[in-house]
């Protein structure tokens, strides 16, 4: 959003998409929650949850029952709410919200704002009922909506690898065109063109490594993959790093 043209500034410094897979390890998820709570004292942090284990169960049942697209869409959106509620118990002092109007007051208190996105996903109805649209691109859409200064996806891998190179080094940076050419990797296929169209960058970080997350917030070197628009400056020369 362009804050110079009268649009509201929600005051979000960083929107992080929380990969639901991070809840598989409660101790590490708690360490991440505590780290984000500490960072919220100096950064205004909004967490957008993925579907997590409940979403995995929905996918399993769908393979048998073949839910109609609308039903599947609503089930997955509700799963994101459950992930957000569960993570809120691991993130001290955080507050959940459903309506955007609630965000500025939560951030003003130095708390992590955890979105329960089902109401907005269903109510706004801007997302296609498609297997290619996941919580990655949905999170990016809300990062743009809230005017977040920075956007990251926290997942259970240390970045993006080249297709077919599962044991190789992760890439430090990729243009959106390079990421799109790879197809579905650690992010969904809708994300790169959305980032490109809106001049946005996204950092893919290992949310199990809370020190890396902290370093990235503080502007220090951190292992991960930056996906950035074509022509936008990347930090240093693109290179790979070992996981």
Protein backbone atom coordinates (compact mmCIF):
# COMPACT_ATOMS: atom_id res chain seq x y z
CA UNK A 1 0.00 0.00 0.00
CA UNK A 2 1.17 3.53 -0.77
CA UNK A 3 1.07 5.40 2.53
CA UNK A 4 1.53 8.72 0.71
CA UNK A 5 -1.91 8.56 -0.88
CA UNK A 6 -4.09 8.45 2.20
CA UNK A 7 -4.10 4.70 2.82
CA UNK A 8 -4.06 3.57 6.43
CA UNK A 9 -0.72 2.45 7.84
CA UNK A 10 -1.33 -0.58 10.07
CA UNK A 11 2.19 -0.21 11.44
CA UNK A 12 3.41 -3.73 10.59
CA UNK A 13 7.21 -3.94 10.42
CA UNK A 14 7.43 -7.66 9.67
CA UNK A 15 4.83 -10.21 8.60
CA UNK A 16 6.00 -13.78 9.05
CA UNK A 17 4.16 -16.73 7.62
CA UNK A 18 4.35 -19.54 10.17
CA UNK A 19 4.66 -22.90 8.44
CA UNK A 20 2.29 -25.27 10.21
CA UNK A 21 4.95 -27.99 10.09
CA UNK A 22 6.87 -26.06 12.76
CA UNK A 23 4.32 -27.22 15.34
CA UNK A 24 5.61 -30.79 14.98
CA UNK A 25 8.35 -29.99 17.50
CA UNK A 26 6.77 -28.23 20.47
CA UNK A 27 10.08 -27.31 22.13
CA UNK A 28 11.43 -25.62 19.01
CA UNK A 29 8.05 -23.99 18.34
CA UNK A 30 8.10 -22.60 21.88
CA UNK A 31 11.65 -21.29 21.36
CA UNK A 32 10.46 -19.58 18.17
CA UNK A 33 7.44 -18.11 19.95
CA UNK A 34 9.62 -16.75 22.74
CA UNK A 35 12.03 -15.29 20.20
CA UNK A 36 9.23 -13.54 18.31
CA UNK A 37 7.81 -12.18 21.58
CA UNK A 38 11.20 -10.72 22.46
CA UNK A 39 11.60 -9.25 18.97
CA UNK A 40 8.15 -7.67 19.26
CA UNK A 41 9.55 -5.26 21.83
CA UNK A 42 11.55 -3.57 19.05
CA UNK A 43 9.72 -4.71 15.89
CA UNK A 44 5.99 -4.69 15.16
CA UNK A 45 5.39 -8.35 14.29
CA UNK A 46 2.39 -10.00 12.67
CA UNK A 47 2.22 -13.80 12.34
CA UNK A 48 0.16 -15.39 9.57
CA UNK A 49 -0.37 -19.13 10.24
CA UNK A 50 -0.32 -21.99 7.78
CA UNK A 51 -2.57 -25.02 8.05
CA UNK A 52 -0.36 -27.36 10.02
CA UNK A 53 -1.25 -30.89 11.16
CA UNK A 54 -4.98 -30.26 10.90
CA UNK A 55 -4.57 -29.28 7.27
CA UNK A 56 -2.62 -32.50 6.66
CA UNK A 57 -5.56 -34.47 8.08
CA UNK A 58 -7.95 -32.58 5.79
CA UNK A 59 -5.80 -33.49 2.79
CA UNK A 60 -5.82 -37.15 3.82
CA UNK A 61 -9.60 -37.26 4.16
CA UNK A 62 -10.06 -35.33 0.93
CA UNK A 63 -8.25 -38.07 -0.98
CA UNK A 64 -11.10 -40.40 0.02
CA UNK A 65 -14.17 -38.14 0.19
CA UNK A 66 -13.26 -35.67 -2.59
CA UNK A 67 -14.63 -32.53 -0.96
CA UNK A 68 -16.24 -29.89 -3.19
CA UNK A 69 -13.84 -27.00 -3.80
CA UNK A 70 -15.77 -24.59 -1.56
CA UNK A 71 -15.83 -27.06 1.33
CA UNK A 72 -12.12 -27.82 0.98
CA UNK A 73 -11.34 -24.09 0.86
CA UNK A 74 -13.26 -23.42 4.08
CA UNK A 75 -11.81 -26.43 5.88
CA UNK A 76 -8.25 -25.31 5.11
CA UNK A 77 -8.97 -21.72 6.20
CA UNK A 78 -10.35 -22.99 9.51
CA UNK A 79 -7.24 -25.14 9.95
CA UNK A 80 -5.15 -21.97 9.76
CA UNK A 81 -7.14 -20.50 12.64
CA UNK A 82 -6.38 -23.61 14.72
CA UNK A 83 -2.65 -23.31 13.97
CA UNK A 84 -2.74 -19.66 15.00
CA UNK A 85 -4.53 -20.44 18.26
CA UNK A 86 -2.12 -23.26 19.10
CA UNK A 87 0.93 -21.12 18.38
CA UNK A 88 -0.45 -18.30 20.53
CA UNK A 89 -0.02 -20.57 23.58
CA UNK A 90 3.68 -20.89 22.75
CA UNK A 91 4.24 -17.18 22.07
CA UNK A 92 4.20 -15.30 25.42
CA UNK A 93 2.08 -12.16 25.51
CA UNK A 94 0.83 -12.59 21.95
CA UNK A 95 -2.72 -11.72 20.99
CA UNK A 96 -4.86 -13.29 18.28
CA UNK A 97 -7.06 -11.21 15.99
CA UNK A 98 -9.51 -11.72 13.14
CA UNK A 99 -10.26 -8.16 12.04
CA UNK A 100 -7.56 -5.84 10.63
CA UNK A 101 -8.84 -2.93 12.74
CA UNK A 102 -7.51 -4.75 15.81
CA UNK A 103 -3.89 -4.81 14.62
CA UNK A 104 -2.57 -1.32 15.50
CA UNK A 105 -3.59 -1.57 19.16
CA UNK A 106 -1.99 -5.00 19.57
CA UNK A 107 1.28 -3.82 18.00
CA UNK A 108 1.25 -0.62 20.04
CA UNK A 109 1.40 -2.79 23.18
CA UNK A 110 4.57 -4.48 21.95
CA UNK A 111 2.79 -7.79 21.43
CA UNK A 112 2.99 -10.29 18.58
CA UNK A 113 -0.26 -10.08 16.59
CA UNK A 114 -1.32 -13.56 15.43
CA UNK A 115 -3.90 -13.54 12.68
CA UNK A 116 -6.80 -15.98 12.64
CA UNK A 117 -7.35 -15.56 8.91
CA UNK A 118 -10.44 -17.67 8.21
CA UNK A 119 -12.92 -14.80 8.50
CA UNK A 120 -10.99 -12.61 6.05
CA UNK A 121 -10.11 -15.43 3.64
CA UNK A 122 -13.76 -16.47 3.34
CA UNK A 123 -15.23 -12.98 3.58
CA UNK A 124 -12.95 -11.23 1.10
CA UNK A 125 -13.09 -14.17 -1.34
CA UNK A 126 -10.08 -13.04 -3.38
CA UNK A 127 -8.30 -16.41 -3.48
CA UNK A 128 -8.98 -19.06 -6.09
CA UNK A 129 -10.02 -22.54 -5.00
CA UNK A 130 -6.83 -24.00 -6.38
CA UNK A 131 -4.17 -26.48 -5.32
CA UNK A 132 -1.54 -23.99 -6.49
CA UNK A 133 -2.67 -21.29 -4.04
CA UNK A 134 -1.45 -22.10 -0.55
CA UNK A 135 -0.88 -20.14 2.63
CA UNK A 136 2.45 -18.90 1.17
CA UNK A 137 0.80 -16.71 -1.46
CA UNK A 138 -2.13 -15.95 0.85
CA UNK A 139 0.35 -14.64 3.42
CA UNK A 140 2.01 -12.51 0.73
CA UNK A 141 -1.36 -11.00 -0.18
CA UNK A 142 -1.95 -10.02 3.45
CA UNK A 143 1.61 -8.71 3.78
CA UNK A 144 0.79 -6.32 0.96
CA UNK A 145 -2.61 -5.49 2.46
CA UNK A 146 -1.11 -4.63 5.85
CA UNK A 147 1.77 -2.72 4.23
CA UNK A 148 4.40 -4.86 5.97
CA UNK A 149 7.90 -3.49 5.52
CA UNK A 150 9.39 -7.01 5.39
CA UNK A 151 7.97 -10.45 4.66
CA UNK A 152 9.34 -13.87 5.58
CA UNK A 153 8.19 -17.47 5.37
CA UNK A 154 9.25 -19.59 8.34
CA UNK A 155 9.34 -23.26 7.41
CA UNK A 156 11.11 -26.51 8.34
CA UNK A 157 13.85 -26.26 5.72
CA UNK A 158 16.83 -23.87 5.61
CA UNK A 159 15.99 -22.38 2.21
CA UNK A 160 15.34 -23.33 -1.41
CA UNK A 161 17.47 -25.89 -3.22
CA UNK A 162 17.69 -26.45 -6.94
CA UNK A 163 15.17 -29.05 -8.16
CA UNK A 164 16.58 -32.55 -7.99
CA UNK A 165 19.30 -31.53 -5.56
CA UNK A 166 17.70 -32.54 -2.27
CA UNK A 167 21.04 -32.92 -0.48
CA UNK A 168 22.75 -29.92 -2.04
CA UNK A 169 23.32 -26.41 -0.80
CA UNK A 170 20.48 -23.95 -0.44
CA UNK A 171 20.51 -20.84 -2.59
CA UNK A 172 21.11 -17.51 -0.93
CA UNK A 173 18.95 -15.56 -3.37
CA UNK A 174 16.71 -16.03 -6.40
CA UNK A 175 14.86 -13.65 -8.65
CA UNK A 176 11.13 -14.22 -8.90
CA UNK A 177 11.68 -15.35 -12.51
CA UNK A 178 14.22 -17.96 -11.40
CA UNK A 179 11.92 -19.18 -8.64
CA UNK A 180 8.97 -19.40 -11.03
CA UNK A 181 11.03 -21.41 -13.52
CA UNK A 182 11.74 -23.99 -10.81
CA UNK A 183 8.03 -24.69 -10.31
CA UNK A 184 6.93 -25.74 -6.86
CA UNK A 185 9.92 -25.94 -4.55
CA UNK A 186 9.80 -24.80 -0.93
CA UNK A 187 7.17 -22.21 -1.87
CA UNK A 188 3.97 -22.38 -3.91
CA UNK A 189 3.80 -21.55 -7.60
CA UNK A 190 1.63 -18.46 -7.14
CA UNK A 191 4.11 -16.68 -4.90
CA UNK A 192 6.90 -15.64 -7.35
CA UNK A 193 4.59 -13.89 -9.86
CA UNK A 194 2.72 -12.17 -7.02
CA UNK A 195 5.98 -10.88 -5.54
CA UNK A 196 7.12 -9.67 -8.96
CA UNK A 197 3.85 -7.90 -9.74
CA UNK A 198 3.88 -6.08 -6.40
CA UNK A 199 7.60 -5.31 -6.10
CA UNK A 200 7.91 -7.46 -2.97
CA UNK A 201 10.69 -9.65 -1.63
CA UNK A 202 10.35 -12.69 0.61
CA UNK A 203 12.90 -14.40 2.84
CA UNK A 204 12.64 -18.16 3.33
CA UNK A 205 13.98 -19.05 6.80
CA UNK A 206 14.26 -22.19 8.91
CA UNK A 207 11.85 -21.48 11.74
CA UNK A 208 13.37 -24.29 13.80
CA UNK A 209 16.53 -22.19 14.08
CA UNK A 210 15.35 -19.29 16.21
CA UNK A 211 18.81 -17.69 16.22
CA UNK A 212 18.69 -17.37 12.43
CA UNK A 213 15.26 -15.80 12.69
CA UNK A 214 16.54 -13.33 15.28
CA UNK A 215 19.57 -12.44 13.16
CA UNK A 216 17.40 -11.79 10.10
CA UNK A 217 15.11 -9.49 12.09
CA UNK A 218 18.15 -7.57 13.33
CA UNK A 219 19.56 -7.20 9.81
CA UNK A 220 22.43 -9.62 10.45
CA UNK A 221 23.51 -12.47 8.14
CA UNK A 222 21.20 -15.47 8.38
CA UNK A 223 20.98 -18.66 6.32
CA UNK A 224 17.95 -18.66 4.06
CA UNK A 225 16.83 -17.84 0.53
CA UNK A 226 15.77 -14.37 -0.51
CA UNK A 227 13.27 -14.31 -3.40
CA UNK A 228 13.28 -10.83 -4.90
CA UNK A 229 11.84 -9.05 -7.97
CA UNK A 230 13.79 -9.07 -11.20
CA UNK A 231 16.08 -6.03 -11.26
CA UNK A 232 15.88 -5.47 -7.51
CA UNK A 233 19.21 -5.44 -5.68
CA UNK A 234 20.09 -8.64 -3.85
CA UNK A 235 22.42 -8.66 -0.82
CA UNK A 236 25.82 -9.38 -2.33
CA UNK A 237 26.50 -11.91 -5.02
CA UNK A 238 24.01 -14.77 -5.24
CA UNK A 239 25.58 -17.90 -3.89
CA UNK A 240 24.76 -21.18 -2.20
CA UNK A 241 25.33 -22.18 1.40
CA UNK A 242 25.44 -25.55 3.10
CA UNK A 243 22.50 -26.57 5.24
